[in-house]
Amino acid sequence: MLDAGAADCLVVKPMVLGGPDRARAAALRAREAGLDAVVTTTIDGALARTGAVHVAASLADPPACGLATADRLAEDLVSDPAPITDGEVSVPQNPGSAPGPPSMEDR
């Protein structure tokens, strides 16, 4: 797509590309080619959404991204460590910052 000049914008889905590292590399290549890179989810659970949040946050001046997809799931295995509120998100800073699965009492 980049070599052919066939796009104005690259949509980057970390889980489709094989994870956050590959997604970030694709976004950086797109930017080097003069394209915007929009990070989105594939309607992922909280852990994968948080990875996508980190990819978007790792880019300088990212455009609006498609990360507010938690409400598309009936339920999730963990609570969301990076909920999106009014179009903004606080990026978790601690390794392994996602909580563990809910206990049976929480269900």
PDB file of N, CA and C in Angstrom:
ATOM      1  N   MET A   1       0.827  -1.188   0.000  1.00  0.00           N
ATOM      2  CA  MET A   1       0.000   0.000   0.000  1.00  0.00           C
ATOM      3  C   MET A   1       0.875   1.257   0.000  1.00  0.00           C
ATOM      4  N   LEU A   2       1.898   1.241   0.846  1.00  0.00           N
ATOM      5  CA  LEU A   2       2.749   2.422   0.939  1.00  0.00           C
ATOM      6  C   LEU A   2       3.555   2.622  -0.338  1.00  0.00           C
ATOM      7  N   ASP A   3       4.145   1.555  -0.845  1.00  0.00           N
ATOM      8  CA  ASP A   3       4.961   1.658  -2.053  1.00  0.00           C
ATOM      9  C   ASP A   3       4.135   2.076  -3.264  1.00  0.00           C
ATOM     10  N   ALA A   4       2.877   1.643  -3.300  1.00  0.00           N
ATOM     11  CA  ALA A   4       2.013   1.952  -4.436  1.00  0.00           C
ATOM     12  C   ALA A   4       1.385   3.337  -4.324  1.00  0.00           C
ATOM     13  N   GLY A   5       1.500   3.971  -3.155  1.00  0.00           N
ATOM     14  CA  GLY A   5       0.850   5.263  -2.958  1.00  0.00           C
ATOM     15  C   GLY A   5      -0.657   5.145  -3.015  1.00  0.00           C
ATOM     16  N   ALA A   6      -1.159   4.001  -2.576  1.00  0.00           N
ATOM     17  CA  ALA A   6      -2.576   3.684  -2.726  1.00  0.00           C
ATOM     18  C   ALA A   6      -3.419   4.037  -1.507  1.00  0.00           C
ATOM     19  N   ALA A   7      -2.872   4.797  -0.572  1.00  0.00           N
ATOM     20  CA  ALA A   7      -3.633   5.118   0.631  1.00  0.00           C
ATOM     21  C   ALA A   7      -3.293   6.525   1.103  1.00  0.00           C
ATOM     22  N   ASP A   8      -4.260   7.136   1.771  1.00  0.00           N
ATOM     23  CA  ASP A   8      -4.039   8.433   2.406  1.00  0.00           C
ATOM     24  C   ASP A   8      -3.831   8.273   3.898  1.00  0.00           C
ATOM     25  N   CYS A   9      -4.258   7.115   4.405  1.00  0.00           N
ATOM     26  CA  CYS A   9      -4.217   6.853   5.838  1.00  0.00           C
ATOM     27  C   CYS A   9      -4.083   5.342   6.036  1.00  0.00           C
ATOM     28  N   LEU A  10      -3.335   4.951   7.048  1.00  0.00           N
ATOM     29  CA  LEU A  10      -3.192   3.536   7.364  1.00  0.00           C
ATOM     30  C   LEU A  10      -3.927   3.250   8.664  1.00  0.00           C
ATOM     31  N   VAL A  11      -4.836   2.293   8.637  1.00  0.00           N
ATOM     32  CA  VAL A  11      -5.535   1.855   9.844  1.00  0.00           C
ATOM     33  C   VAL A  11      -4.730   0.707  10.433  1.00  0.00           C
ATOM     34  N   VAL A  12      -4.296   0.884  11.678  1.00  0.00           N
ATOM     35  CA  VAL A  12      -3.402  -0.053  12.335  1.00  0.00           C
ATOM     36  C   VAL A  12      -4.159  -0.782  13.436  1.00  0.00           C
ATOM     37  N   LYS A  13      -4.309  -2.090  13.287  1.00  0.00           N
ATOM     38  CA  LYS A  13      -4.992  -2.920  14.276  1.00  0.00           C
ATOM     39  C   LYS A  13      -3.960  -3.865  14.895  1.00  0.00           C
ATOM     40  N   PRO A  14      -3.511  -3.553  16.106  1.00  0.00           N
ATOM     41  CA  PRO A  14      -2.423  -4.338  16.694  1.00  0.00           C
ATOM     42  C   PRO A  14      -2.660  -5.845  16.721  1.00  0.00           C
ATOM     43  N   MET A  15      -3.851  -6.306  17.029  1.00  0.00           N
ATOM     44  CA  MET A  15      -4.076  -7.743  17.135  1.00  0.00           C
ATOM     45  C   MET A  15      -4.075  -8.415  15.769  1.00  0.00           C
ATOM     46  N   VAL A  16      -4.412  -7.690  14.734  1.00  0.00           N
ATOM     47  CA  VAL A  16      -4.359  -8.248  13.382  1.00  0.00           C
ATOM     48  C   VAL A  16      -2.906  -8.312  12.896  1.00  0.00           C
ATOM     49  N   LEU A  17      -2.123  -7.328  13.302  1.00  0.00           N
ATOM     50  CA  LEU A  17      -0.738  -7.250  12.844  1.00  0.00           C
ATOM     51  C   LEU A  17       0.227  -8.111  13.652  1.00  0.00           C
ATOM     52  N   GLY A  18      -0.251  -8.727  14.725  1.00  0.00           N
ATOM     53  CA  GLY A  18       0.614  -9.597  15.516  1.00  0.00           C
ATOM     54  C   GLY A  18       1.109  -8.986  16.806  1.00  0.00           C
ATOM     55  N   GLY A  19       0.500  -7.890  17.238  1.00  0.00           N
ATOM     56  CA  GLY A  19       0.852  -7.306  18.526  1.00  0.00           C
ATOM     57  C   GLY A  19       1.283  -5.862  18.440  1.00  0.00           C
ATOM     58  N   PRO A  20       1.485  -5.264  19.601  1.00  0.00           N
ATOM     59  CA  PRO A  20       1.821  -3.839  19.665  1.00  0.00           C
ATOM     60  C   PRO A  20       3.123  -3.453  18.968  1.00  0.00           C
ATOM     61  N   ASP A  21       4.161  -4.270  19.071  1.00  0.00           N
ATOM     62  CA  ASP A  21       5.435  -3.920  18.437  1.00  0.00           C
ATOM     63  C   ASP A  21       5.305  -3.823  16.926  1.00  0.00           C
ATOM     64  N   ARG A  22       4.648  -4.790  16.343  1.00  0.00           N
ATOM     65  CA  ARG A  22       4.458  -4.776  14.885  1.00  0.00           C
ATOM     66  C   ARG A  22       3.546  -3.626  14.463  1.00  0.00           C
ATOM     67  N   ALA A  23       2.527  -3.363  15.262  1.00  0.00           N
ATOM     68  CA  ALA A  23       1.609  -2.269  14.943  1.00  0.00           C
ATOM     69  C   ALA A  23       2.333  -0.929  14.988  1.00  0.00           C
ATOM     70  N   ARG A  24       3.155  -0.737  16.008  1.00  0.00           N
ATOM     71  CA  ARG A  24       3.909   0.517  16.117  1.00  0.00           C
ATOM     72  C   ARG A  24       4.858   0.667  14.938  1.00  0.00           C
ATOM     73  N   ALA A  25       5.521  -0.415  14.555  1.00  0.00           N
ATOM     74  CA  ALA A  25       6.435  -0.356  13.411  1.00  0.00           C
ATOM     75  C   ALA A  25       5.670   0.015  12.135  1.00  0.00           C
ATOM     76  N   ALA A  26       4.487  -0.548  11.938  1.00  0.00           N
ATOM     77  CA  ALA A  26       3.684  -0.230  10.753  1.00  0.00           C
ATOM     78  C   ALA A  26       3.257   1.237  10.778  1.00  0.00           C
ATOM     79  N   ALA A  27       2.861   1.725  11.956  1.00  0.00           N
ATOM     80  CA  ALA A  27       2.457   3.126  12.078  1.00  0.00           C
ATOM     81  C   ALA A  27       3.625   4.059  11.776  1.00  0.00           C
ATOM     82  N   LEU A  28       4.793   3.722  12.271  1.00  0.00           N
ATOM     83  CA  LEU A  28       5.971   4.558  12.009  1.00  0.00           C
ATOM     84  C   LEU A  28       6.348   4.550  10.532  1.00  0.00           C
ATOM     85  N   ARG A  29       6.237   3.384   9.876  1.00  0.00           N
ATOM     86  CA  ARG A  29       6.517   3.318   8.426  1.00  0.00           C
ATOM     87  C   ARG A  29       5.526   4.183   7.656  1.00  0.00           C
ATOM     88  N   ALA A  30       4.255   4.136   8.067  1.00  0.00           N
ATOM     89  CA  ALA A  30       3.239   4.958   7.395  1.00  0.00           C
ATOM     90  C   ALA A  30       3.561   6.437   7.550  1.00  0.00           C
ATOM     91  N   ARG A  31       3.937   6.829   8.746  1.00  0.00           N
ATOM     92  CA  ARG A  31       4.269   8.241   8.990  1.00  0.00           C
ATOM     93  C   ARG A  31       5.488   8.665   8.180  1.00  0.00           C
ATOM     94  N   GLU A  32       6.476   7.793   8.075  1.00  0.00           N
ATOM     95  CA  GLU A  32       7.655   8.112   7.261  1.00  0.00           C
ATOM     96  C   GLU A  32       7.273   8.322   5.797  1.00  0.00           C
ATOM     97  N   ALA A  33       6.196   7.651   5.372  1.00  0.00           N
ATOM     98  CA  ALA A  33       5.713   7.781   3.996  1.00  0.00           C
ATOM     99  C   ALA A  33       4.742   8.955   3.841  1.00  0.00           C
ATOM    100  N   GLY A  34       4.524   9.707   4.932  1.00  0.00           N
ATOM    101  CA  GLY A  34       3.660  10.878   4.856  1.00  0.00           C
ATOM    102  C   GLY A  34       2.187  10.614   5.113  1.00  0.00           C
ATOM    103  N   LEU A  35       1.862   9.433   5.631  1.00  0.00           N
ATOM    104  CA  LEU A  35       0.465   9.089   5.903  1.00  0.00           C
ATOM    105  C   LEU A  35       0.152   9.188   7.382  1.00  0.00           C
ATOM    106  N   ASP A  36      -1.118   9.452   7.692  1.00  0.00           N
ATOM    107  CA  ASP A  36      -1.580   9.312   9.067  1.00  0.00           C
ATOM    108  C   ASP A  36      -1.696   7.831   9.380  1.00  0.00           C
ATOM    109  N   ALA A  37      -1.515   7.482  10.633  1.00  0.00           N
ATOM    110  CA  ALA A  37      -1.707   6.110  11.103  1.00  0.00           C
ATOM    111  C   ALA A  37      -2.723   6.153  12.231  1.00  0.00           C
ATOM    112  N   VAL A  38      -3.875   5.541  12.009  1.00  0.00           N
ATOM    113  CA  VAL A  38      -4.959   5.526  12.983  1.00  0.00           C
ATOM    114  C   VAL A  38      -4.969   4.162  13.660  1.00  0.00           C
ATOM    115  N   VAL A  39      -4.793   4.141  14.972  1.00  0.00           N
ATOM    116  CA  VAL A  39      -4.777   2.891  15.727  1.00  0.00           C
ATOM    117  C   VAL A  39      -6.209   2.557  16.141  1.00  0.00           C
ATOM    118  N   THR A  40      -6.638   1.340  15.845  1.00  0.00           N
ATOM    119  CA  THR A  40      -7.977   0.891  16.209  1.00  0.00           C
ATOM    120  C   THR A  40      -7.903  -0.512  16.799  1.00  0.00           C
ATOM    121  N   THR A  41      -9.003  -0.934  17.396  1.00  0.00           N
ATOM    122  CA  THR A  41      -9.086  -2.301  17.895  1.00  0.00           C
ATOM    123  C   THR A  41      -9.873  -3.159  16.908  1.00  0.00           C
ATOM    124  N   THR A  42      -9.914  -4.425  17.187  1.00  0.00           N
ATOM    125  CA  THR A  42     -10.763  -5.349  16.438  1.00  0.00           C
ATOM    126  C   THR A  42     -11.874  -5.827  17.366  1.00  0.00           C
ATOM    127  N   ILE A  43     -12.423  -4.897  18.145  1.00  0.00           N
ATOM    128  CA  ILE A  43     -13.407  -5.186  19.191  1.00  0.00           C
ATOM    129  C   ILE A  43     -12.798  -6.202  20.154  1.00  0.00           C
ATOM    130  N   ASP A  44     -11.665  -5.809  20.715  1.00  0.00           N
ATOM    131  CA  ASP A  44     -10.877  -6.665  21.589  1.00  0.00           C
ATOM    132  C   ASP A  44     -11.287  -6.541  23.047  1.00  0.00           C
ATOM    133  N   GLY A  45     -10.853  -7.508  23.842  1.00  0.00           N
ATOM    134  CA  GLY A  45     -11.005  -7.441  25.284  1.00  0.00           C
ATOM    135  C   GLY A  45     -10.068  -6.393  25.870  1.00  0.00           C
ATOM    136  N   ALA A  46     -10.183  -6.184  27.172  1.00  0.00           N
ATOM    137  CA  ALA A  46      -9.457  -5.106  27.856  1.00  0.00           C
ATOM    138  C   ALA A  46      -7.946  -5.186  27.670  1.00  0.00           C
ATOM    139  N   LEU A  47      -7.379  -6.366  27.701  1.00  0.00           N
ATOM    140  CA  LEU A  47      -5.921  -6.467  27.583  1.00  0.00           C
ATOM    141  C   LEU A  47      -5.433  -6.028  26.206  1.00  0.00           C
ATOM    142  N   ALA A  48      -6.102  -6.468  25.165  1.00  0.00           N
ATOM    143  CA  ALA A  48      -5.699  -6.071  23.814  1.00  0.00           C
ATOM    144  C   ALA A  48      -6.015  -4.601  23.564  1.00  0.00           C
ATOM    145  N   ARG A  49      -7.145  -4.116  24.083  1.00  0.00           N
ATOM    146  CA  ARG A  49      -7.440  -2.683  23.954  1.00  0.00           C
ATOM    147  C   ARG A  49      -6.356  -1.841  24.626  1.00  0.00           C
ATOM    148  N   THR A  50      -5.890  -2.290  25.784  1.00  0.00           N
ATOM    149  CA  THR A  50      -4.845  -1.553  26.484  1.00  0.00           C
ATOM    150  C   THR A  50      -3.561  -1.547  25.659  1.00  0.00           C
ATOM    151  N   GLY A  51      -3.257  -2.640  24.998  1.00  0.00           N
ATOM    152  CA  GLY A  51      -2.104  -2.666  24.099  1.00  0.00           C
ATOM    153  C   GLY A  51      -2.257  -1.649  22.975  1.00  0.00           C
ATOM    154  N   ALA A  52      -3.451  -1.542  22.422  1.00  0.00           N
ATOM    155  CA  ALA A  52      -3.704  -0.567  21.360  1.00  0.00           C
ATOM    156  C   ALA A  52      -3.574   0.859  21.896  1.00  0.00           C
ATOM    157  N   VAL A  53      -4.018   1.091  23.129  1.00  0.00           N
ATOM    158  CA  VAL A  53      -3.852   2.399  23.765  1.00  0.00           C
ATOM    159  C   VAL A  53      -2.366   2.742  23.858  1.00  0.00           C
ATOM    160  N   HIS A  54      -1.560   1.778  24.248  1.00  0.00           N
ATOM    161  CA  HIS A  54      -0.119   2.016  24.358  1.00  0.00           C
ATOM    162  C   HIS A  54       0.502   2.308  22.995  1.00  0.00           C
ATOM    163  N   VAL A  55       0.056   1.625  21.961  1.00  0.00           N
ATOM    164  CA  VAL A  55       0.589   1.907  20.619  1.00  0.00           C
ATOM    165  C   VAL A  55       0.252   3.346  20.234  1.00  0.00           C
ATOM    166  N   ALA A  56      -1.000   3.731  20.401  1.00  0.00           N
ATOM    167  CA  ALA A  56      -1.408   5.098  20.041  1.00  0.00           C
ATOM    168  C   ALA A  56      -0.616   6.124  20.853  1.00  0.00           C
ATOM    169  N   ALA A  57      -0.450   5.862  22.139  1.00  0.00           N
ATOM    170  CA  ALA A  57       0.261   6.803  23.007  1.00  0.00           C
ATOM    171  C   ALA A  57       1.748   6.891  22.670  1.00  0.00           C
ATOM    172  N   SER A  58       2.291   5.867  22.031  1.00  0.00           N
ATOM    173  CA  SER A  58       3.714   5.878  21.696  1.00  0.00           C
ATOM    174  C   SER A  58       4.015   6.717  20.465  1.00  0.00           C
ATOM    175  N   LEU A  59       2.982   7.153  19.762  1.00  0.00           N
ATOM    176  CA  LEU A  59       3.154   7.947  18.548  1.00  0.00           C
ATOM    177  C   LEU A  59       3.048   9.430  18.884  1.00  0.00           C
ATOM    178  N   ALA A  60       3.908  10.232  18.317  1.00  0.00           N
ATOM    179  CA  ALA A  60       3.828  11.673  18.527  1.00  0.00           C
ATOM    180  C   ALA A  60       2.584  12.215  17.823  1.00  0.00           C
ATOM    181  N   ASP A  61       1.799  12.979  18.540  1.00  0.00           N
ATOM    182  CA  ASP A  61       0.592  13.611  17.993  1.00  0.00           C
ATOM    183  C   ASP A  61      -0.287  12.652  17.190  1.00  0.00           C
ATOM    184  N   PRO A  62      -0.770  11.570  17.810  1.00  0.00           N
ATOM    185  CA  PRO A  62      -1.613  10.635  17.050  1.00  0.00           C
ATOM    186  C   PRO A  62      -2.946  11.273  16.676  1.00  0.00           C
ATOM    187  N   PRO A  63      -3.484  10.922  15.509  1.00  0.00           N
ATOM    188  CA  PRO A  63      -4.823  11.399  15.168  1.00  0.00           C
ATOM    189  C   PRO A  63      -5.844  10.675  16.045  1.00  0.00           C
ATOM    190  N   ALA A  64      -7.090  11.070  15.948  1.00  0.00           N
ATOM    191  CA  ALA A  64      -8.141  10.368  16.679  1.00  0.00           C
ATOM    192  C   ALA A  64      -8.064   8.885  16.337  1.00  0.00           C
ATOM    193  N   CYS A  65      -8.217   8.048  17.348  1.00  0.00           N
ATOM    194  CA  CYS A  65      -8.089   6.608  17.161  1.00  0.00           C
ATOM    195  C   CYS A  65      -9.397   5.911  17.486  1.00  0.00           C
ATOM    196  N   GLY A  66      -9.545   4.680  17.033  1.00  0.00           N
ATOM    197  CA  GLY A  66     -10.748   3.887  17.280  1.00  0.00           C
ATOM    198  C   GLY A  66     -10.547   2.926  18.434  1.00  0.00           C
ATOM    199  N   LEU A  67     -10.468   3.450  19.644  1.00  0.00           N
ATOM    200  CA  LEU A  67     -10.157   2.618  20.804  1.00  0.00           C
ATOM    201  C   LEU A  67     -11.324   2.463  21.778  1.00  0.00           C
ATOM    202  N   ALA A  68     -12.368   3.224  21.619  1.00  0.00           N
ATOM    203  CA  ALA A  68     -13.498   3.193  22.554  1.00  0.00           C
ATOM    204  C   ALA A  68     -14.496   2.115  22.134  1.00  0.00           C
ATOM    205  N   THR A  69     -14.043   0.862  22.213  1.00  0.00           N
ATOM    206  CA  THR A  69     -14.883  -0.240  21.737  1.00  0.00           C
ATOM    207  C   THR A  69     -15.306  -1.202  22.850  1.00  0.00           C
ATOM    208  N   ALA A  70     -15.008  -0.863  24.101  1.00  0.00           N
ATOM    209  CA  ALA A  70     -15.333  -1.770  25.208  1.00  0.00           C
ATOM    210  C   ALA A  70     -16.819  -2.068  25.291  1.00  0.00           C
ATOM    211  N   ASP A  71     -17.648  -1.095  24.959  1.00  0.00           N
ATOM    212  CA  ASP A  71     -19.094  -1.301  25.064  1.00  0.00           C
ATOM    213  C   ASP A  71     -19.647  -2.232  23.984  1.00  0.00           C
ATOM    214  N   ARG A  72     -18.803  -2.653  23.073  1.00  0.00           N
ATOM    215  CA  ARG A  72     -19.242  -3.593  22.024  1.00  0.00           C
ATOM    216  C   ARG A  72     -19.272  -5.035  22.541  1.00  0.00           C
ATOM    217  N   LEU A  73     -18.646  -5.279  23.692  1.00  0.00           N
ATOM    218  CA  LEU A  73     -18.620  -6.613  24.283  1.00  0.00           C
ATOM    219  C   LEU A  73     -19.692  -6.721  25.366  1.00  0.00           C
ATOM    220  N   ALA A  74     -20.335  -7.861  25.444  1.00  0.00           N
ATOM    221  CA  ALA A  74     -21.325  -8.091  26.501  1.00  0.00           C
ATOM    222  C   ALA A  74     -20.657  -8.118  27.866  1.00  0.00           C
ATOM    223  N   GLU A  75     -19.458  -8.678  27.928  1.00  0.00           N
ATOM    224  CA  GLU A  75     -18.681  -8.702  29.166  1.00  0.00           C
ATOM    225  C   GLU A  75     -17.218  -8.910  28.808  1.00  0.00           C
ATOM    226  N   ASP A  76     -16.358  -8.673  29.791  1.00  0.00           N
ATOM    227  CA  ASP A  76     -14.924  -8.841  29.581  1.00  0.00           C
ATOM    228  C   ASP A  76     -14.383  -9.692  30.712  1.00  0.00           C
ATOM    229  N   LEU A  77     -13.215 -10.272  30.536  1.00  0.00           N
ATOM    230  CA  LEU A  77     -12.627 -11.121  31.569  1.00  0.00           C
ATOM    231  C   LEU A  77     -11.989 -10.333  32.699  1.00  0.00           C
ATOM    232  N   VAL A  78     -11.595  -9.094  32.418  1.00  0.00           N
ATOM    233  CA  VAL A  78     -10.963  -8.235  33.424  1.00  0.00           C
ATOM    234  C   VAL A  78     -11.582  -6.846  33.337  1.00  0.00           C
ATOM    235  N   SER A  79     -11.444  -6.075  34.396  1.00  0.00           N
ATOM    236  CA  SER A  79     -11.883  -4.688  34.322  1.00  0.00           C
ATOM    237  C   SER A  79     -10.876  -3.916  33.477  1.00  0.00           C
ATOM    238  N   ASP A  80     -11.334  -2.857  32.879  1.00  0.00           N
ATOM    239  CA  ASP A  80     -10.539  -2.111  31.908  1.00  0.00           C
ATOM    240  C   ASP A  80      -9.520  -1.206  32.593  1.00  0.00           C
ATOM    241  N   PRO A  81      -8.220  -1.452  32.406  1.00  0.00           N
ATOM    242  CA  PRO A  81      -7.209  -0.592  33.034  1.00  0.00           C
ATOM    243  C   PRO A  81      -7.040   0.745  32.311  1.00  0.00           C
ATOM    244  N   ALA A  82      -7.645   0.887  31.129  1.00  0.00           N
ATOM    245  CA  ALA A  82      -7.511   2.120  30.351  1.00  0.00           C
ATOM    246  C   ALA A  82      -8.858   2.503  29.740  1.00  0.00           C
ATOM    247  N   PRO A  83      -9.859   2.775  30.602  1.00  0.00           N
ATOM    248  CA  PRO A  83     -11.170   3.132  30.046  1.00  0.00           C
ATOM    249  C   PRO A  83     -11.120   4.480  29.327  1.00  0.00           C
ATOM    250  N   ILE A  84     -11.929   4.600  28.306  1.00  0.00           N
ATOM    251  CA  ILE A  84     -11.980   5.832  27.532  1.00  0.00           C
ATOM    252  C   ILE A  84     -13.222   6.596  27.968  1.00  0.00           C
ATOM    253  N   THR A  85     -13.003   7.831  28.394  1.00  0.00           N
ATOM    254  CA  THR A  85     -14.093   8.664  28.872  1.00  0.00           C
ATOM    255  C   THR A  85     -14.048   9.994  28.138  1.00  0.00           C
ATOM    256  N   ASP A  86     -15.147  10.336  27.494  1.00  0.00           N
ATOM    257  CA  ASP A  86     -15.221  11.593  26.737  1.00  0.00           C
ATOM    258  C   ASP A  86     -14.075  11.733  25.739  1.00  0.00           C
ATOM    259  N   GLY A  87     -13.714  10.628  25.113  1.00  0.00           N
ATOM    260  CA  GLY A  87     -12.690  10.652  24.078  1.00  0.00           C
ATOM    261  C   GLY A  87     -11.259  10.715  24.575  1.00  0.00           C
ATOM    262  N   GLU A  88     -11.057  10.556  25.888  1.00  0.00           N
ATOM    263  CA  GLU A  88      -9.711  10.603  26.439  1.00  0.00           C
ATOM    264  C   GLU A  88      -9.425   9.356  27.259  1.00  0.00           C
ATOM    265  N   VAL A  89      -8.144   9.021  27.370  1.00  0.00           N
ATOM    266  CA  VAL A  89      -7.740   7.834  28.111  1.00  0.00           C
ATOM    267  C   VAL A  89      -6.452   8.141  28.873  1.00  0.00           C
ATOM    268  N   SER A  90      -6.347   7.606  30.065  1.00  0.00           N
ATOM    269  CA  SER A  90      -5.096   7.661  30.810  1.00  0.00           C
ATOM    270  C   SER A  90      -4.351   6.368  30.524  1.00  0.00           C
ATOM    271  N   VAL A  91      -3.123   6.491  30.080  1.00  0.00           N
ATOM    272  CA  VAL A  91      -2.334   5.322  29.693  1.00  0.00           C
ATOM    273  C   VAL A  91      -1.731   4.700  30.947  1.00  0.00           C
ATOM    274  N   PRO A  92      -2.032   3.417  31.216  1.00  0.00           N
ATOM    275  CA  PRO A  92      -1.416   2.752  32.373  1.00  0.00           C
ATOM    276  C   PRO A  92       0.105   2.756  32.245  1.00  0.00           C
ATOM    277  N   GLN A  93       0.790   3.045  33.346  1.00  0.00           N
ATOM    278  CA  GLN A  93       2.247   3.168  33.317  1.00  0.00           C
ATOM    279  C   GLN A  93       2.988   1.984  33.919  1.00  0.00           C
ATOM    280  N   ASN A  94       2.299   1.149  34.688  1.00  0.00           N
ATOM    281  CA  ASN A  94       2.963   0.044  35.374  1.00  0.00           C
ATOM    282  C   ASN A  94       2.906  -1.236  34.551  1.00  0.00           C
ATOM    283  N   PRO A  95       3.996  -1.993  34.501  1.00  0.00           N
ATOM    284  CA  PRO A  95       3.951  -3.292  33.821  1.00  0.00           C
ATOM    285  C   PRO A  95       2.900  -4.179  34.478  1.00  0.00           C
ATOM    286  N   GLY A  96       2.150  -4.878  33.664  1.00  0.00           N
ATOM    287  CA  GLY A  96       1.128  -5.781  34.200  1.00  0.00           C
ATOM    288  C   GLY A  96       0.058  -5.051  34.975  1.00  0.00           C
ATOM    289  N   SER A  97      -0.303  -3.849  34.534  1.00  0.00           N
ATOM    290  CA  SER A  97      -1.239  -3.029  35.298  1.00  0.00           C
ATOM    291  C   SER A  97      -2.682  -3.483  35.191  1.00  0.00           C
ATOM    292  N   ALA A  98      -2.960  -4.422  34.326  1.00  0.00           N
ATOM    293  CA  ALA A  98      -4.329  -4.924  34.239  1.00  0.00           C
ATOM    294  C   ALA A  98      -4.605  -5.842  35.421  1.00  0.00           C
ATOM    295  N   PRO A  99      -5.780  -5.705  36.029  1.00  0.00           N
ATOM    296  CA  PRO A  99      -6.101  -6.586  37.143  1.00  0.00           C
ATOM    297  C   PRO A  99      -6.352  -8.010  36.683  1.00  0.00           C
ATOM    298  N   GLY A 100      -6.330  -8.929  37.594  1.00  0.00           N
ATOM    299  CA  GLY A 100      -6.608 -10.325  37.265  1.00  0.00           C
ATOM    300  C   GLY A 100      -8.077 -10.537  36.976  1.00  0.00           C
ATOM    301  N   PRO A 101      -8.467 -11.746  36.596  1.00  0.00           N
ATOM    302  CA  PRO A 101      -9.863 -12.025  36.296  1.00  0.00           C
ATOM    303  C   PRO A 101     -10.729 -11.827  37.530  1.00  0.00           C
ATOM    304  N   PRO A 102     -12.004 -11.507  37.328  1.00  0.00           N
ATOM    305  CA  PRO A 102     -12.883 -11.321  38.478  1.00  0.00           C
ATOM    306  C   PRO A 102     -13.080 -12.617  39.237  1.00  0.00           C
ATOM    307  N   SER A 103     -13.281 -12.492  40.530  1.00  0.00           N
ATOM    308  CA  SER A 103     -13.567 -13.675  41.324  1.00  0.00           C
ATOM    309  C   SER A 103     -15.013 -14.101  41.097  1.00  0.00           C
ATOM    310  N   MET A 104     -15.357 -15.272  41.519  1.00  0.00           N
ATOM    311  CA  MET A 104     -16.726 -15.765  41.334  1.00  0.00           C
ATOM    312  C   MET A 104     -17.727 -14.847  42.041  1.00  0.00           C
ATOM    313  N   GLU A 105     -17.333 -14.196  43.136  1.00  0.00           N
ATOM    314  CA  GLU A 105     -18.228 -13.289  43.840  1.00  0.00           C
ATOM    315  C   GLU A 105     -18.511 -12.036  43.019  1.00  0.00           C
ATOM    316  N   ASP A 106     -17.570 -11.643  42.155  1.00  0.00           N
ATOM    317  CA  ASP A 106     -17.732 -10.443  41.346  1.00  0.00           C
ATOM    318  C   ASP A 106     -18.627 -10.666  40.131  1.00  0.00           C
ATOM    319  N   ARG A 107     -18.899 -11.904  39.811  1.00  0.00           N
ATOM    320  CA  ARG A 107     -19.678 -12.182  38.594  1.00  0.00           C
ATOM    321  C   ARG A 107     -21.142 -12.127  38.844  1.00  0.00           C
TER     322      ARG A 107
END
